[in-house]
Amino acid sequence: MDVIAIVTSVLSLVAGVGIFLIACSMMSSNLEALGSRKLKSLFSKASKSKLLGVGVGAATTAVIQSSSATSVMVIGFVNAGIMTLAQAATVIFGANIGTTITGQIVALGLFGENTISTSVIFAAFAGVGAFILAFAKKDKLRKIGGITAGFGMLFVGLSMMSGAMAYFSELGEVKSFLAMFKNPFLLVLLGAVFTAVVQSSSVMTSMAITMVVTGLISLNQGIYLTMGSNVGTCVTALIAGLTSTVNAKRTALIHLFFNVGGVAVFMLIGLFMGFGGVDFGYLFGAMFPNAPQIQLSMFHTIFNVITVLIVLPLTKLLVKLVEKIVPEKKTVQKSPSEPSFRFVEEHMLRTPPLAVQQVKNEIIEMAETAMANFDAACKIVCTLDFGNVEEFRRREKQLDFLHKELIKYIVRLMKEGLNEHDRLYLTTAVRSITDLERVGDYAENIVEYAEKLKAADEKFSETAVVEISRMNALIKKLFGEVMEAYKNVNKKALGEAYVTEDEIDRVTDGMVQNHVARLGGGECTADVGAHYLALSSNGERVADHFINVANTVKPFLKN
């Protein structure tokens, strides 16, 4: 036994696994960034039906090449209250189908004994991608280069793993040792543990395929190792779920039960087949003769598809089961007055494109909160009715919280892999958050004017109240146009917002002139007039801040 050759083969195997993992990461991050808009759109459709949810899960996982990442995304949505448990379950089911794409790609790369190997041909893409990365200036081209290089590196790693295992397959001692592992339960356990350690079922499946192709293990052994990888891939989602809300924990359990349940069903099928002297290896060997790579990759796909077909009709029962296992906490619930995020979630940082979309949703809700407070402030100062002032204070605390914490979140998100569009959006988002917080501050100023008026037993004249109400109505109109422009990057709505903002300027200027006339006629006191002038100025500044938010869409408008 050549010790140097053995050490070299072991190091080659470790290097191959490392390159494979890096390749998966490169493909995942660049595909995710390049297809971020479609990814966001896909998830928004997941709630329409069970089959659509499965399709969304499968498509998303096929794009980002990671069922674990999809599961963590889903947990983030459930944690934020955007997705129900039943919706999350169907997406997770689909993720298991999508993750089989990698196995099919790997199997394709292991063809070509008497000609140029497909693995070598595909590995050449690493060089093509490297050239694109070296010379491309545009962000989109660089992402394409990253995807191409990652795809090629996938096969570089595969070739190294395959070469190392081919050497081991020639050593009788190694084959004899691996032949001892025939117990299906032990093989499933080994597959689960290895997958949990490397945090990638794709690596485990790919290694199993190359081991089968090189004759290091039998097809049946590879099948059970692959089944184990389905269990091991749940670890990432479990870790994410354990640190989240009750519903997020339930989602992680659904993922675990689904994968373990599928393995249990196929283990029972394998047991019954054994009584007839047949096993999965024999069955798939007959179905796809002389192609061991296809035999195992097709088993992986068929196994996951059948598991989904079995479990999909039982989704509601599965949801009820996890609800009983993880009941609602009976402890004192978080006070609704306590500020918190509505859409943004910690675990979404692992999937930057979706995190960016959630930041936008959070900003939209922040804008609605700011507008609600300005509207409430105008009503309070006109009526001197403070019945809803506590709700006003709660919203103000929420605005302050978002101003501080959402910017912190964006700073962390900016460190992740983002495409040029999302990076530019986040840069503008920081300014929008500050603008909206200032709207809240102006609303707070107006409530303070109301408090001073009440304390002095004074109030605005009926004419002044009409003018304030008119200004408030115009600002509401402006807000609607700004939100349409902001949400949908609507050029027409932006133009309408400019027109309304000009009208607000004219109205607030008129308020000042009218006040001077009333002051000269003795209709109001100097103190009341001072509050009125400050209020009209606040209204004009609020309109300016809303226009600032609308202006952030300019870089994204199509000419």
Protein backbone atom coordinates (compact mmCIF):
# COMPACT_ATOMS: atom_id res chain seq x y z
CA MET A 1 0.00 0.00 0.00
CA ASP A 2 1.58 3.31 -1.14
CA VAL A 3 1.33 5.72 1.80
CA ILE A 4 2.16 8.79 -0.32
CA ALA A 5 -0.53 7.88 -2.86
CA ILE A 6 -3.07 7.40 -0.06
CA VAL A 7 -2.24 10.76 1.56
CA THR A 8 -2.38 12.44 -1.84
CA SER A 9 -5.78 10.89 -2.56
CA VAL A 10 -7.14 11.95 0.86
CA LEU A 11 -5.93 15.51 0.33
CA SER A 12 -7.42 15.51 -3.18
CA LEU A 13 -10.73 14.35 -1.77
CA VAL A 14 -10.74 17.12 0.87
CA ALA A 15 -9.74 19.68 -1.77
CA GLY A 16 -12.48 18.42 -4.10
CA VAL A 17 -15.12 18.77 -1.37
CA GLY A 18 -13.86 22.28 -0.57
CA ILE A 19 -13.92 23.40 -4.21
CA PHE A 20 -17.39 21.87 -4.64
CA LEU A 21 -18.70 23.81 -1.60
CA ILE A 22 -17.15 27.07 -2.80
CA ALA A 23 -18.62 26.48 -6.27
CA CYS A 24 -22.09 25.92 -4.80
CA SER A 25 -21.73 29.13 -2.79
CA MET A 26 -20.58 31.13 -5.86
CA MET A 27 -23.43 29.86 -8.00
CA SER A 28 -25.96 30.40 -5.21
CA SER A 29 -25.00 33.99 -4.36
CA ASN A 30 -24.67 35.14 -7.99
CA LEU A 31 -27.82 33.40 -9.21
CA GLU A 32 -29.68 34.81 -6.22
CA ALA A 33 -28.45 38.34 -6.91
CA LEU A 34 -29.07 38.11 -10.67
CA GLY A 35 -32.57 36.70 -10.27
CA SER A 36 -33.56 38.66 -7.17
CA ARG A 37 -36.62 40.32 -8.72
CA LYS A 38 -38.00 37.03 -10.02
CA LEU A 39 -37.23 35.43 -6.66
CA LYS A 40 -39.26 38.10 -4.88
CA SER A 41 -42.11 37.64 -7.35
CA LEU A 42 -42.06 33.86 -6.90
CA PHE A 43 -42.43 34.05 -3.13
CA SER A 44 -45.30 36.53 -3.41
CA LYS A 45 -47.26 33.88 -5.38
CA ALA A 46 -46.63 31.01 -2.96
CA SER A 47 -49.89 31.52 -1.08
CA LYS A 48 -52.24 30.93 -4.02
CA SER A 49 -52.37 27.10 -3.93
CA LYS A 50 -50.56 24.05 -2.59
CA LEU A 51 -49.19 23.03 -5.97
CA LEU A 52 -48.05 26.57 -6.68
CA GLY A 53 -46.29 26.61 -3.31
CA VAL A 54 -44.49 23.39 -4.24
CA GLY A 55 -43.54 24.88 -7.59
CA VAL A 56 -42.22 28.06 -5.96
CA GLY A 57 -40.12 26.01 -3.52
CA ALA A 58 -38.73 23.84 -6.30
CA ALA A 59 -37.97 26.78 -8.62
CA THR A 60 -36.39 28.88 -5.87
CA THR A 61 -34.15 26.03 -4.72
CA ALA A 62 -33.17 25.20 -8.29
CA VAL A 63 -32.16 28.85 -8.76
CA ILE A 64 -30.21 29.36 -5.53
CA GLN A 65 -28.96 25.75 -5.34
CA SER A 66 -29.72 25.35 -1.64
CA SER A 67 -32.78 23.82 0.00
CA SER A 68 -31.41 24.94 3.38
CA ALA A 69 -31.40 28.58 2.23
CA THR A 70 -34.97 28.24 0.94
CA SER A 71 -36.08 26.75 4.26
CA VAL A 72 -34.42 29.57 6.21
CA MET A 73 -36.16 32.11 3.94
CA VAL A 74 -39.49 30.46 4.62
CA ILE A 75 -38.85 30.51 8.38
CA GLY A 76 -38.10 34.22 8.08
CA PHE A 77 -41.44 34.83 6.34
CA VAL A 78 -43.33 32.80 8.93
CA ASN A 79 -41.48 34.58 11.72
CA ALA A 80 -42.54 37.93 10.26
CA GLY A 81 -46.15 36.75 9.96
CA ILE A 82 -46.16 37.07 6.16
CA MET A 83 -46.67 33.37 5.41
CA THR A 84 -48.90 30.82 7.14
CA LEU A 85 -47.63 27.44 8.30
CA ALA A 86 -49.55 25.64 5.56
CA GLN A 87 -48.07 27.91 2.87
CA ALA A 88 -44.58 27.47 4.32
CA ALA A 89 -45.00 23.68 4.34
CA THR A 90 -45.74 23.51 0.60
CA VAL A 91 -42.70 25.67 -0.25
CA ILE A 92 -40.50 23.38 1.88
CA PHE A 93 -41.91 20.34 0.09
CA GLY A 94 -40.98 21.91 -3.25
CA ALA A 95 -37.49 22.78 -2.00
CA ASN A 96 -36.74 19.07 -1.68
CA ILE A 97 -37.56 18.58 -5.36
CA GLY A 98 -35.51 21.60 -6.42
CA THR A 99 -32.41 20.37 -4.60
CA THR A 100 -32.24 17.26 -6.82
CA ILE A 101 -31.14 19.45 -9.76
CA THR A 102 -27.56 19.45 -8.47
CA GLY A 103 -27.47 15.64 -8.48
CA GLN A 104 -28.70 15.58 -12.06
CA ILE A 105 -26.00 18.07 -13.11
CA VAL A 106 -23.32 16.00 -11.36
CA ALA A 107 -24.57 12.81 -13.03
CA LEU A 108 -24.37 14.51 -16.42
CA GLY A 109 -20.77 15.45 -15.73
CA LEU A 110 -19.70 11.84 -15.12
CA PHE A 111 -20.29 10.63 -18.67
CA GLY A 112 -17.59 10.08 -21.26
CA GLU A 113 -15.25 7.13 -20.70
CA ASN A 114 -14.02 6.74 -24.31
CA THR A 115 -14.36 10.38 -25.37
CA ILE A 116 -13.64 13.74 -23.77
CA SER A 117 -15.31 13.59 -20.38
CA THR A 118 -18.32 15.88 -19.93
CA SER A 119 -16.84 16.72 -16.53
CA VAL A 120 -13.72 18.12 -18.22
CA ILE A 121 -15.81 20.05 -20.75
CA PHE A 122 -17.95 21.58 -18.01
CA ALA A 123 -14.88 22.27 -15.82
CA ALA A 124 -13.59 24.52 -18.60
CA PHE A 125 -16.42 26.91 -17.74
CA ALA A 126 -14.36 27.87 -14.67
CA GLY A 127 -11.82 29.48 -17.01
CA VAL A 128 -14.51 31.16 -19.10
CA GLY A 129 -16.09 32.60 -15.95
CA ALA A 130 -12.71 33.78 -14.68
CA PHE A 131 -12.09 35.70 -17.94
CA ILE A 132 -15.51 37.35 -17.68
CA LEU A 133 -14.81 38.36 -14.06
CA ALA A 134 -11.40 39.73 -15.03
CA PHE A 135 -12.58 41.97 -17.86
CA ALA A 136 -16.30 42.69 -17.25
CA LYS A 137 -17.18 46.14 -15.93
CA LYS A 138 -20.94 45.88 -15.62
CA ASP A 139 -22.36 44.29 -12.49
CA LYS A 140 -24.71 42.01 -14.44
CA LEU A 141 -21.86 40.62 -16.53
CA ARG A 142 -19.78 40.04 -13.40
CA LYS A 143 -22.66 38.07 -11.86
CA ILE A 144 -22.87 35.96 -15.03
CA GLY A 145 -19.10 35.44 -14.79
CA GLY A 146 -19.48 34.31 -11.18
CA ILE A 147 -22.21 31.84 -12.12
CA THR A 148 -20.14 30.47 -15.03
CA ALA A 149 -17.01 30.15 -12.90
CA GLY A 150 -18.98 28.50 -10.09
CA PHE A 151 -20.53 26.03 -12.53
CA GLY A 152 -17.09 25.10 -13.86
CA MET A 153 -15.58 24.81 -10.39
CA LEU A 154 -18.38 22.42 -9.48
CA PHE A 155 -16.90 19.95 -11.97
CA VAL A 156 -13.31 20.71 -10.98
CA GLY A 157 -14.24 19.65 -7.46
CA LEU A 158 -16.17 16.68 -8.82
CA SER A 159 -13.16 15.54 -10.88
CA MET A 160 -10.90 15.74 -7.84
CA MET A 161 -13.35 13.76 -5.71
CA SER A 162 -13.84 11.22 -8.49
CA GLY A 163 -10.09 10.79 -9.00
CA ALA A 164 -9.47 10.25 -5.29
CA MET A 165 -12.27 7.72 -5.03
CA ALA A 166 -11.12 5.89 -8.15
CA TYR A 167 -7.79 5.29 -6.42
CA PHE A 168 -9.51 4.10 -3.24
CA SER A 169 -11.68 1.74 -5.31
CA GLU A 170 -8.50 -0.09 -6.35
CA LEU A 171 -7.58 -0.77 -2.72
CA GLY A 172 -9.13 -4.02 -1.57
CA GLU A 173 -8.84 -2.95 2.07
CA VAL A 174 -10.93 0.17 1.51
CA LYS A 175 -13.59 -1.68 -0.47
CA SER A 176 -13.74 -4.41 2.16
CA PHE A 177 -14.11 -1.80 4.89
CA LEU A 178 -16.92 0.08 3.09
CA ALA A 179 -18.63 -3.21 2.23
CA MET A 180 -19.19 -3.70 5.97
CA PHE A 181 -21.63 -0.77 5.97
CA LYS A 182 -24.64 -2.56 4.54
CA ASN A 183 -27.16 -1.79 7.28
CA PRO A 184 -29.64 0.72 5.78
CA PHE A 185 -30.18 2.48 9.13
CA LEU A 186 -26.44 2.97 9.63
CA LEU A 187 -26.02 4.29 6.07
CA VAL A 188 -28.89 6.76 6.55
CA LEU A 189 -27.29 7.90 9.82
CA LEU A 190 -23.89 8.37 8.16
CA GLY A 191 -25.45 10.37 5.32
CA ALA A 192 -27.35 12.56 7.80
CA VAL A 193 -24.29 13.25 9.98
CA PHE A 194 -22.02 14.11 7.04
CA THR A 195 -24.65 16.43 5.54
CA ALA A 196 -25.17 18.15 8.89
CA VAL A 197 -21.42 18.72 9.21
CA VAL A 198 -20.85 20.18 5.72
CA GLN A 199 -24.32 21.84 5.70
CA SER A 200 -24.96 20.72 2.13
CA SER A 201 -27.00 17.77 0.92
CA SER A 202 -25.65 18.49 -2.58
CA VAL A 203 -22.12 17.56 -1.47
CA MET A 204 -23.29 14.32 0.15
CA THR A 205 -25.35 13.34 -2.88
CA SER A 206 -22.54 14.21 -5.29
CA MET A 207 -20.01 12.22 -3.27
CA ALA A 208 -22.39 9.25 -3.18
CA ILE A 209 -22.79 9.42 -6.98
CA THR A 210 -19.02 9.49 -7.57
CA MET A 211 -18.49 6.64 -5.08
CA VAL A 212 -21.05 4.53 -6.92
CA VAL A 213 -19.57 5.37 -10.34
CA THR A 214 -16.04 4.45 -9.22
CA GLY A 215 -17.30 1.20 -7.68
CA LEU A 216 -16.28 2.22 -4.17
CA ILE A 217 -19.78 1.47 -2.85
CA SER A 218 -22.82 -0.29 -4.27
CA LEU A 219 -25.81 1.54 -5.71
CA ASN A 220 -27.90 0.41 -2.76
CA GLN A 221 -25.42 1.90 -0.30
CA GLY A 222 -25.44 5.17 -2.27
CA ILE A 223 -29.24 5.24 -2.17
CA TYR A 224 -29.37 5.04 1.63
CA LEU A 225 -26.60 7.62 2.03
CA THR A 226 -28.62 9.94 -0.21
CA MET A 227 -31.73 9.37 1.88
CA GLY A 228 -29.68 10.29 4.96
CA SER A 229 -28.66 13.55 3.32
CA ASN A 230 -32.34 14.57 3.28
CA VAL A 231 -32.42 14.27 7.07
CA GLY A 232 -29.09 16.05 7.62
CA THR A 233 -30.14 19.05 5.55
CA CYS A 234 -32.79 19.90 8.19
CA VAL A 235 -30.12 20.99 10.68
CA THR A 236 -29.73 24.52 9.27
CA ALA A 237 -33.47 25.15 9.38
CA LEU A 238 -33.73 23.72 12.90
CA ILE A 239 -31.00 26.06 14.14
CA ALA A 240 -32.77 29.02 12.50
CA GLY A 241 -36.15 27.98 13.94
CA LEU A 242 -34.97 27.43 17.49
CA THR A 243 -33.99 31.09 17.86
CA SER A 244 -37.24 32.45 16.40
CA THR A 245 -40.96 32.63 17.10
CA VAL A 246 -43.30 29.75 17.88
CA ASN A 247 -44.47 29.55 14.27
CA ALA A 248 -40.88 29.54 13.03
CA LYS A 249 -40.11 26.58 15.33
CA ARG A 250 -43.15 24.82 13.92
CA THR A 251 -41.92 25.46 10.37
CA ALA A 252 -38.54 23.94 11.19
CA LEU A 253 -40.33 20.89 12.65
CA ILE A 254 -42.44 20.53 9.51
CA HIS A 255 -39.21 20.43 7.51
CA LEU A 256 -37.80 17.75 9.81
CA PHE A 257 -40.96 15.61 9.92
CA PHE A 258 -41.40 15.81 6.17
CA ASN A 259 -37.85 14.68 5.43
CA VAL A 260 -37.73 12.03 8.15
CA GLY A 261 -41.19 10.81 7.14
CA GLY A 262 -40.12 10.39 3.52
CA VAL A 263 -37.07 8.38 4.57
CA ALA A 264 -39.20 6.23 6.91
CA VAL A 265 -41.68 5.44 4.11
CA PHE A 266 -38.91 4.39 1.72
CA MET A 267 -37.15 2.40 4.42
CA LEU A 268 -40.37 0.42 4.92
CA ILE A 269 -40.73 -0.04 1.16
CA GLY A 270 -37.13 -1.27 1.02
CA LEU A 271 -37.83 -3.70 3.88
CA PHE A 272 -40.84 -5.21 2.10
CA MET A 273 -38.91 -5.40 -1.17
CA GLY A 274 -36.19 -7.29 0.69
CA PHE A 275 -38.61 -10.12 1.48
CA GLY A 276 -38.90 -10.69 -2.27
CA GLY A 277 -35.15 -10.64 -2.76
CA VAL A 278 -35.24 -7.24 -4.47
CA ASP A 279 -33.79 -3.92 -3.36
CA PHE A 280 -33.70 -0.32 -4.64
CA GLY A 281 -30.30 -0.92 -6.22
CA TYR A 282 -31.65 -3.81 -8.31
CA LEU A 283 -34.78 -1.85 -9.28
CA PHE A 284 -33.01 1.32 -10.44
CA GLY A 285 -30.20 -0.68 -12.01
CA ALA A 286 -32.80 -2.36 -14.21
CA MET A 287 -34.56 0.92 -14.98
CA PHE A 288 -31.35 2.74 -16.06
CA PRO A 289 -28.84 0.05 -17.11
CA ASN A 290 -25.12 0.78 -17.49
CA ALA A 291 -25.43 4.29 -16.06
CA PRO A 292 -24.83 4.23 -12.27
CA GLN A 293 -24.71 8.01 -12.06
CA ILE A 294 -28.19 8.26 -13.59
CA GLN A 295 -29.46 5.42 -11.40
CA LEU A 296 -28.64 7.28 -8.18
CA SER A 297 -29.56 10.78 -9.37
CA MET A 298 -32.92 9.52 -10.65
CA PHE A 299 -33.57 7.73 -7.37
CA HIS A 300 -32.92 11.01 -5.56
CA THR A 301 -35.40 12.86 -7.78
CA ILE A 302 -38.09 10.14 -7.73
CA PHE A 303 -37.70 9.71 -3.96
CA ASN A 304 -38.36 13.42 -3.32
CA VAL A 305 -41.22 13.71 -5.83
CA ILE A 306 -43.03 10.66 -4.40
CA THR A 307 -42.52 11.94 -0.85
CA VAL A 308 -44.13 15.26 -1.83
CA LEU A 309 -47.07 13.47 -3.49
CA ILE A 310 -47.63 11.42 -0.32
CA VAL A 311 -47.36 14.28 2.16
CA LEU A 312 -49.01 17.14 0.21
CA PRO A 313 -52.62 15.97 0.91
CA LEU A 314 -51.66 15.64 4.60
CA THR A 315 -50.41 19.22 4.94
CA LYS A 316 -53.23 20.32 7.29
CA LEU A 317 -52.70 17.30 9.54
CA LEU A 318 -48.96 17.98 9.64
CA VAL A 319 -49.63 21.60 10.62
CA LYS A 320 -51.99 20.49 13.42
CA LEU A 321 -49.38 18.02 14.67
CA VAL A 322 -46.62 20.62 15.01
CA GLU A 323 -49.08 23.06 16.60
CA LYS A 324 -49.71 20.49 19.34
CA ILE A 325 -46.02 19.72 19.78
CA VAL A 326 -45.09 23.42 19.94
CA PRO A 327 -48.09 25.15 21.58
CA GLU A 328 -48.51 28.89 21.92
CA LYS A 329 -46.62 30.31 24.86
CA LYS A 330 -48.81 30.96 27.88
CA THR A 331 -46.41 33.51 29.26
CA VAL A 332 -47.11 37.23 29.06
CA GLN A 333 -47.10 38.22 25.43
CA LYS A 334 -45.08 41.08 24.06
CA SER A 335 -46.95 44.36 24.53
CA PRO A 336 -48.48 45.59 21.26
CA SER A 337 -47.21 49.07 22.20
CA GLU A 338 -43.62 47.85 22.15
CA PRO A 339 -41.87 48.86 18.90
CA SER A 340 -40.84 46.02 16.58
CA PHE A 341 -40.22 45.09 12.97
CA ARG A 342 -43.20 43.97 10.92
CA PHE A 343 -41.43 42.53 7.88
CA VAL A 344 -37.68 42.54 8.45
CA GLU A 345 -36.28 39.38 10.02
CA GLU A 346 -32.78 38.43 11.18
CA HIS A 347 -32.50 35.17 9.24
CA MET A 348 -33.35 36.88 5.96
CA LEU A 349 -29.83 38.31 5.90
CA ARG A 350 -28.87 34.91 4.50
CA THR A 351 -30.97 35.67 1.42
CA PRO A 352 -30.17 39.33 0.59
CA PRO A 353 -32.58 39.83 -2.37
CA LEU A 354 -35.58 38.91 -0.24
CA ALA A 355 -34.22 40.89 2.72
CA VAL A 356 -34.11 43.96 0.44
CA GLN A 357 -37.76 43.45 -0.50
CA GLN A 358 -38.70 43.19 3.17
CA VAL A 359 -36.81 46.41 3.91
CA LYS A 360 -38.94 48.10 1.25
CA ASN A 361 -42.12 46.69 2.81
CA GLU A 362 -40.99 47.97 6.21
CA ILE A 363 -40.36 51.45 4.78
CA ILE A 364 -43.80 51.49 3.13
CA GLU A 365 -45.40 50.63 6.48
CA MET A 366 -43.23 53.28 8.17
CA ALA A 367 -44.52 55.84 5.67
CA GLU A 368 -48.12 54.87 6.42
CA THR A 369 -47.41 55.22 10.15
CA ALA A 370 -45.88 58.66 9.64
CA MET A 371 -48.87 59.79 7.54
CA ALA A 372 -51.29 58.42 10.15
CA ASN A 373 -49.55 60.47 12.84
CA PHE A 374 -49.54 63.66 10.80
CA ASP A 375 -53.25 63.23 10.07
CA ALA A 376 -53.97 62.53 13.74
CA ALA A 377 -51.93 65.58 14.81
CA CYS A 378 -53.92 67.87 12.48
CA LYS A 379 -57.20 66.57 13.92
CA ILE A 380 -55.98 66.98 17.50
CA VAL A 381 -54.86 70.58 16.97
CA CYS A 382 -58.14 71.46 15.25
CA THR A 383 -60.45 69.83 17.82
CA LEU A 384 -58.23 69.81 20.94
CA ASP A 385 -59.55 66.28 21.51
CA PHE A 386 -56.72 64.17 22.99
CA GLY A 387 -58.68 60.92 23.18
CA ASN A 388 -56.34 59.14 20.71
CA VAL A 389 -53.09 60.66 21.87
CA GLU A 390 -51.81 57.36 23.37
CA GLU A 391 -52.09 55.68 19.97
CA PHE A 392 -50.29 58.68 18.53
CA ARG A 393 -47.46 58.20 21.07
CA ARG A 394 -47.25 54.48 20.25
CA ARG A 395 -46.82 55.23 16.55
CA GLU A 396 -44.18 57.87 17.31
CA LYS A 397 -42.18 55.30 19.31
CA GLN A 398 -42.47 52.91 16.36
CA LEU A 399 -41.11 55.56 13.98
CA ASP A 400 -38.16 56.27 16.28
CA PHE A 401 -37.47 52.54 16.59
CA LEU A 402 -37.51 52.02 12.81
CA HIS A 403 -35.30 55.05 12.23
CA LYS A 404 -32.64 53.59 14.49
CA GLU A 405 -32.93 49.82 14.00
CA LEU A 406 -33.84 49.65 10.31
CA ILE A 407 -30.77 51.68 9.37
CA LYS A 408 -28.64 49.29 11.45
CA TYR A 409 -30.20 46.37 9.58
CA ILE A 410 -29.51 48.00 6.21
CA VAL A 411 -25.86 48.55 7.15
CA ARG A 412 -25.54 44.82 7.87
CA LEU A 413 -27.41 43.94 4.68
CA MET A 414 -25.10 46.13 2.59
CA LYS A 415 -22.21 43.84 3.58
CA GLU A 416 -23.90 40.87 1.89
CA GLY A 417 -23.72 39.95 -1.80
CA LEU A 418 -26.10 42.35 -3.57
CA ASN A 419 -26.66 43.27 -7.18
CA GLU A 420 -26.16 46.87 -8.30
CA HIS A 421 -29.92 47.61 -8.31
CA ASP A 422 -30.45 46.45 -4.71
CA ARG A 423 -27.31 48.19 -3.45
CA LEU A 424 -28.45 51.49 -4.98
CA TYR A 425 -31.93 51.01 -3.51
CA LEU A 426 -30.57 50.48 0.02
CA THR A 427 -28.47 53.64 -0.30
CA THR A 428 -31.64 55.65 -1.04
CA ALA A 429 -33.60 53.74 1.61
CA VAL A 430 -31.47 55.19 4.41
CA ARG A 431 -32.45 58.70 3.30
CA SER A 432 -36.11 57.72 3.03
CA ILE A 433 -36.14 56.39 6.58
CA THR A 434 -34.68 59.67 7.87
CA ASP A 435 -37.26 61.67 5.89
CA LEU A 436 -40.14 59.66 7.32
CA GLU A 437 -38.83 59.98 10.86
CA ARG A 438 -38.77 63.76 10.36
CA VAL A 439 -42.44 63.65 9.28
CA GLY A 440 -43.15 62.00 12.63
CA ASP A 441 -41.22 64.75 14.42
CA TYR A 442 -43.29 67.46 12.71
CA ALA A 443 -46.47 65.64 13.71
CA GLU A 444 -45.20 65.61 17.30
CA ASN A 445 -44.58 69.36 17.09
CA ILE A 446 -48.19 69.94 16.04
CA VAL A 447 -49.51 67.92 19.01
CA GLU A 448 -47.33 70.07 21.27
CA TYR A 449 -48.99 73.19 19.80
CA ALA A 450 -52.37 71.65 20.64
CA GLU A 451 -51.28 70.99 24.22
CA LYS A 452 -50.14 74.60 24.62
CA LEU A 453 -53.41 75.90 23.18
CA LYS A 454 -55.44 73.75 25.58
CA ALA A 455 -53.28 74.79 28.54
CA ALA A 456 -53.83 78.47 27.66
CA ASP A 457 -57.56 77.83 27.07
CA GLU A 458 -57.25 79.06 23.49
CA LYS A 459 -57.98 77.59 20.06
CA PHE A 460 -57.72 78.28 16.35
CA SER A 461 -60.51 80.19 14.62
CA GLU A 462 -62.97 78.34 12.41
CA THR A 463 -61.32 79.86 9.34
CA ALA A 464 -57.90 78.62 10.47
CA VAL A 465 -59.31 75.13 11.09
CA VAL A 466 -60.70 75.04 7.53
CA GLU A 467 -57.30 76.05 6.15
CA ILE A 468 -55.49 73.39 8.22
CA SER A 469 -57.98 70.76 7.05
CA ARG A 470 -57.41 71.78 3.43
CA MET A 471 -53.63 71.55 3.85
CA ASN A 472 -54.00 68.12 5.49
CA ALA A 473 -56.22 66.86 2.66
CA LEU A 474 -53.64 67.94 0.07
CA ILE A 475 -50.83 66.23 2.01
CA LYS A 476 -52.91 63.03 2.10
CA LYS A 477 -53.35 63.32 -1.67
CA LEU A 478 -49.61 63.86 -2.06
CA PHE A 479 -48.90 60.85 0.14
CA GLY A 480 -51.05 58.59 -2.06
CA GLU A 481 -49.17 59.74 -5.18
CA VAL A 482 -45.79 59.36 -3.48
CA MET A 483 -46.60 55.81 -2.36
CA GLU A 484 -47.75 54.84 -5.85
CA ALA A 485 -44.50 56.19 -7.27
CA TYR A 486 -42.44 54.48 -4.56
CA LYS A 487 -44.12 51.08 -4.60
CA ASN A 488 -44.38 50.66 -8.36
CA VAL A 489 -41.65 53.01 -9.65
CA ASN A 490 -44.44 54.93 -11.39
CA LYS A 491 -43.22 57.92 -13.41
CA LYS A 492 -46.74 59.31 -13.91
CA ALA A 493 -47.46 59.24 -10.16
CA LEU A 494 -44.16 61.04 -9.51
CA GLY A 495 -45.18 63.81 -11.90
CA GLU A 496 -48.57 64.11 -10.18
CA ALA A 497 -46.81 64.33 -6.80
CA TYR A 498 -44.76 67.32 -8.03
CA VAL A 499 -47.95 69.13 -9.06
CA THR A 500 -49.61 68.46 -5.69
CA GLU A 501 -46.48 69.56 -3.80
CA ASP A 502 -46.52 72.89 -5.69
CA GLU A 503 -50.16 73.34 -4.70
CA ILE A 504 -49.29 72.66 -1.05
CA ASP A 505 -46.61 75.37 -1.24
CA ARG A 506 -49.23 77.83 -2.55
CA VAL A 507 -51.72 76.82 0.17
CA THR A 508 -49.20 77.16 3.02
CA ASP A 509 -48.06 80.54 1.65
CA GLY A 510 -51.72 81.58 1.57
CA MET A 511 -52.14 80.40 5.17
CA VAL A 512 -49.37 82.80 6.25
CA GLN A 513 -50.92 85.74 4.35
CA ASN A 514 -54.40 85.00 5.72
CA HIS A 515 -53.02 84.76 9.23
CA VAL A 516 -51.36 88.17 8.96
CA ALA A 517 -54.71 89.64 7.85
CA ARG A 518 -56.53 87.99 10.78
CA LEU A 519 -53.88 89.18 13.20
CA GLY A 520 -54.27 92.74 11.92
CA GLY A 521 -58.03 92.47 12.33
CA GLY A 522 -57.72 91.27 15.91
CA GLU A 523 -59.23 87.85 15.15
CA CYS A 524 -56.45 85.96 16.97
CA THR A 525 -53.75 86.55 19.56
CA ALA A 526 -50.01 86.64 18.90
CA ASP A 527 -49.43 83.36 20.79
CA VAL A 528 -52.10 81.49 18.81
CA GLY A 529 -50.75 83.03 15.63
CA ALA A 530 -47.23 81.83 16.39
CA HIS A 531 -48.48 78.24 16.69
CA TYR A 532 -50.41 78.61 13.45
CA LEU A 533 -47.41 79.93 11.52
CA ALA A 534 -45.24 77.11 12.86
CA LEU A 535 -47.91 74.58 11.89
CA SER A 536 -48.13 75.85 8.30
CA SER A 537 -44.33 75.68 8.06
CA ASN A 538 -44.42 72.12 9.44
CA GLY A 539 -46.97 71.13 6.80
CA GLU A 540 -44.77 72.49 4.02
CA ARG A 541 -41.74 70.60 5.39
CA VAL A 542 -43.77 67.37 5.64
CA ALA A 543 -44.63 67.69 1.94
CA ASP A 544 -40.94 68.23 1.16
CA HIS A 545 -39.95 65.06 3.05
CA PHE A 546 -42.59 63.00 1.22
CA ILE A 547 -41.30 64.35 -2.10
CA ASN A 548 -37.79 63.32 -1.06
CA VAL A 549 -39.07 59.77 -0.64
CA ALA A 550 -40.68 59.87 -4.09
CA ASN A 551 -37.47 61.20 -5.65
CA THR A 552 -35.61 58.03 -4.64
CA VAL A 553 -37.30 56.19 -7.53
CA LYS A 554 -35.68 58.45 -10.15
CA PRO A 555 -32.60 56.22 -10.70
CA PHE A 556 -34.90 53.27 -11.42
CA LEU A 557 -37.25 54.97 -13.88
CA LYS A 558 -37.21 53.72 -17.47
CA ASN A 559 -36.74 56.55 -19.96
